[in-house]
Structure formats: C-alpha cells, structure tokens
C-alpha atoms as a PDB file:
ATOM      1  CA  MET A   1      61.027 -84.498 -29.183  1.00  0.00           C
ATOM      2  CA  LYS A   2      57.499 -85.803 -28.713  1.00  0.00           C
ATOM      3  CA  LYS A   3      55.299 -83.122 -30.277  1.00  0.00           C
ATOM      4  CA  SER A   4      51.560 -83.117 -29.779  1.00  0.00           C
ATOM      5  CA  ILE A   5      48.705 -80.940 -30.984  1.00  0.00           C
ATOM      6  CA  ILE A   6      46.214 -79.490 -28.496  1.00  0.00           C
ATOM      7  CA  THR A   7      42.940 -78.012 -29.707  1.00  0.00           C
ATOM      8  CA  VAL A   8      40.512 -76.010 -27.588  1.00  0.00           C
ATOM      9  CA  VAL A   9      37.084 -75.115 -28.978  1.00  0.00           C
ATOM     10  CA  GLY A  10      33.970 -73.695 -27.366  1.00  0.00           C
ATOM     11  CA  LYS A  11      32.030 -70.687 -26.192  1.00  0.00           C
ATOM     12  CA  ASP A  12      34.409 -67.917 -25.137  1.00  0.00           C
ATOM     13  CA  THR A  13      34.786 -67.284 -21.424  1.00  0.00           C
ATOM     14  CA  VAL A  14      37.320 -65.710 -19.092  1.00  0.00           C
ATOM     15  CA  GLY A  15      40.297 -67.904 -18.146  1.00  0.00           C
ATOM     16  CA  ILE A  16      40.413 -70.531 -20.885  1.00  0.00           C
ATOM     17  CA  ILE A  17      44.027 -69.859 -21.852  1.00  0.00           C
ATOM     18  CA  ALA A  18      45.079 -69.427 -18.220  1.00  0.00           C
ATOM     19  CA  LYS A  19      43.563 -72.741 -17.140  1.00  0.00           C
ATOM     20  CA  VAL A  20      45.068 -74.761 -20.000  1.00  0.00           C
ATOM     21  CA  CYS A  21      48.489 -73.089 -19.819  1.00  0.00           C
ATOM     22  CA  THR A  22      48.680 -73.478 -16.035  1.00  0.00           C
ATOM     23  CA  TYR A  23      48.130 -77.227 -16.416  1.00  0.00           C
ATOM     24  CA  LEU A  24      50.805 -77.426 -19.114  1.00  0.00           C
ATOM     25  CA  ALA A  25      53.357 -75.508 -17.021  1.00  0.00           C
ATOM     26  CA  GLU A  26      52.666 -77.590 -13.912  1.00  0.00           C
ATOM     27  CA  ASN A  27      53.321 -80.748 -15.945  1.00  0.00           C
ATOM     28  CA  GLN A  28      56.513 -79.600 -17.718  1.00  0.00           C
ATOM     29  CA  ILE A  29      54.780 -79.426 -21.116  1.00  0.00           C
ATOM     30  CA  ASN A  30      56.404 -76.769 -23.277  1.00  0.00           C
ATOM     31  CA  ILE A  31      54.351 -74.693 -25.720  1.00  0.00           C
ATOM     32  CA  LEU A  32      56.254 -74.517 -29.028  1.00  0.00           C
ATOM     33  CA  ASP A  33      53.633 -72.611 -31.025  1.00  0.00           C
ATOM     34  CA  ILE A  34      50.179 -71.256 -30.326  1.00  0.00           C
ATOM     35  CA  SER A  35      47.369 -69.703 -32.329  1.00  0.00           C
ATOM     36  CA  GLN A  36      44.042 -68.559 -30.971  1.00  0.00           C
ATOM     37  CA  THR A  37      41.110 -66.688 -32.336  1.00  0.00           C
ATOM     38  CA  ILE A  38      37.630 -65.678 -31.315  1.00  0.00           C
ATOM     39  CA  VAL A  39      34.931 -65.667 -33.983  1.00  0.00           C
ATOM     40  CA  GLN A  40      31.862 -63.909 -32.639  1.00  0.00           C
ATOM     41  CA  ASP A  41      31.491 -65.649 -29.241  1.00  0.00           C
ATOM     42  CA  TYR A  42      33.394 -68.824 -30.103  1.00  0.00           C
ATOM     43  CA  PHE A  43      36.939 -69.498 -28.932  1.00  0.00           C
ATOM     44  CA  ASN A  44      39.368 -71.600 -30.961  1.00  0.00           C
ATOM     45  CA  MET A  45      42.973 -72.349 -29.983  1.00  0.00           C
ATOM     46  CA  MET A  46      45.579 -74.684 -31.423  1.00  0.00           C
ATOM     47  CA  MET A  47      48.904 -75.390 -29.741  1.00  0.00           C
ATOM     48  CA  ILE A  48      51.922 -77.416 -30.700  1.00  0.00           C
ATOM     49  CA  VAL A  49      53.530 -78.700 -27.512  1.00  0.00           C
ATOM     50  CA  ASP A  50      56.506 -80.802 -26.445  1.00  0.00           C
ATOM     51  CA  ILE A  51      55.491 -83.405 -23.845  1.00  0.00           C
ATOM     52  CA  ASN A  52      58.952 -84.965 -23.595  1.00  0.00           C
ATOM     53  CA  LYS A  53      59.718 -83.710 -20.060  1.00  0.00           C
ATOM     54  CA  SER A  54      56.320 -84.504 -18.582  1.00  0.00           C
ATOM     55  CA  ALA A  55      56.256 -87.299 -16.005  1.00  0.00           C
ATOM     56  CA  LYS A  56      52.684 -88.152 -17.055  1.00  0.00           C
ATOM     57  CA  GLU A  57      51.821 -90.596 -19.797  1.00  0.00           C
ATOM     58  CA  PHE A  58      50.030 -89.322 -22.894  1.00  0.00           C
ATOM     59  CA  GLY A  59      46.708 -90.929 -21.963  1.00  0.00           C
ATOM     60  CA  VAL A  60      46.711 -89.291 -18.537  1.00  0.00           C
ATOM     61  CA  ILE A  61      47.468 -85.889 -20.077  1.00  0.00           C
ATOM     62  CA  ALA A  62      44.606 -86.392 -22.563  1.00  0.00           C
ATOM     63  CA  ASP A  63      42.187 -87.300 -19.762  1.00  0.00           C
ATOM     64  CA  ASP A  64      43.317 -84.369 -17.604  1.00  0.00           C
ATOM     65  CA  LEU A  65      42.896 -81.878 -20.461  1.00  0.00           C
ATOM     66  CA  ALA A  66      39.461 -83.260 -21.316  1.00  0.00           C
ATOM     67  CA  ALA A  67      38.439 -82.849 -17.658  1.00  0.00           C
ATOM     68  CA  ILE A  68      39.700 -79.253 -17.634  1.00  0.00           C
ATOM     69  CA  GLY A  69      37.646 -78.614 -20.751  1.00  0.00           C
ATOM     70  CA  THR A  70      34.524 -80.016 -19.127  1.00  0.00           C
ATOM     71  CA  GLU A  71      35.172 -77.877 -16.054  1.00  0.00           C
ATOM     72  CA  ILE A  72      35.397 -74.646 -18.071  1.00  0.00           C
ATOM     73  CA  GLY A  73      32.803 -75.501 -20.727  1.00  0.00           C
ATOM     74  CA  VAL A  74      35.005 -76.098 -23.771  1.00  0.00           C
ATOM     75  CA  GLN A  75      36.334 -79.127 -25.617  1.00  0.00           C
ATOM     76  CA  VAL A  76      40.075 -79.786 -25.135  1.00  0.00           C
ATOM     77  CA  LYS A  77      41.764 -82.537 -27.134  1.00  0.00           C
ATOM     78  CA  ILE A  78      45.367 -83.605 -27.587  1.00  0.00           C
ATOM     79  CA  GLN A  79      46.742 -85.758 -30.397  1.00  0.00           C
ATOM     80  CA  GLN A  80      50.223 -87.004 -31.087  1.00  0.00           C
ATOM     81  CA  GLU A  81      51.767 -85.134 -34.011  1.00  0.00           C
ATOM     82  CA  ASP A  82      52.191 -88.169 -36.265  1.00  0.00           C
ATOM     83  CA  ILE A  83      48.552 -89.202 -35.814  1.00  0.00           C
ATOM     84  CA  PHE A  84      47.362 -85.622 -36.353  1.00  0.00           C
ATOM     85  CA  ASN A  85      49.389 -85.382 -39.577  1.00  0.00           C
ATOM     86  CA  SER A  86      48.065 -88.723 -40.837  1.00  0.00           C
ATOM     87  CA  MET A  87      44.467 -87.669 -40.187  1.00  0.00           C
ATOM     88  CA  HIS A  88      44.896 -84.367 -42.041  1.00  0.00           C
ATOM     89  CA  ARG A  89      46.688 -85.622 -45.139  1.00  0.00           C
ATOM     90  CA  ILE A  90      44.936 -84.895 -48.408  1.00  0.00           C
END
C-alpha cells in the first residue's frame, strides 16, 4: 500500500472538504484516516490516503491538489508517508 499524507491549511470557507474529497474519489484515492479542525477562522485538515489504485502518478496528484488549493484559497500538499515520517522524526 502506498500511503501518503495530505495537509490542507487556510482560511475557512464553504466546500473545502467537498472539493478535496471529490478529487480523491474521482481518482481512486482512498481516505484511510482524516482529522480536521477549525481554530477561529482557520481550517486545518490532515488525511492519510492510499494512492495505490490511482492511475495518476504522484507528481500529477500533487500538482492537481495544489491547483485545487489555489482555486479555493487554501494550501494543499501531499507527501509520501516515508518522506513525511523522515521529516518529522525527533
């Protein structure tokens, strides 16, 4: 299983989760775990996803998600799980 971490951060607005999740579903990317919170007016979401069944390459998915973020006014990033874990090791 190729797990990846998606983070979404920015000013809260209607439709953030819908837009991101619609893209994931359309590209056969399964959400394994999800956490989201709103602190004052700021939205923060972290997802663990399985990209194994997606026909798109990782770089294309990353570019698509970044473009969706720009469109809706938030920052959307995806990282491969092993890289994410390496970056967050103490």
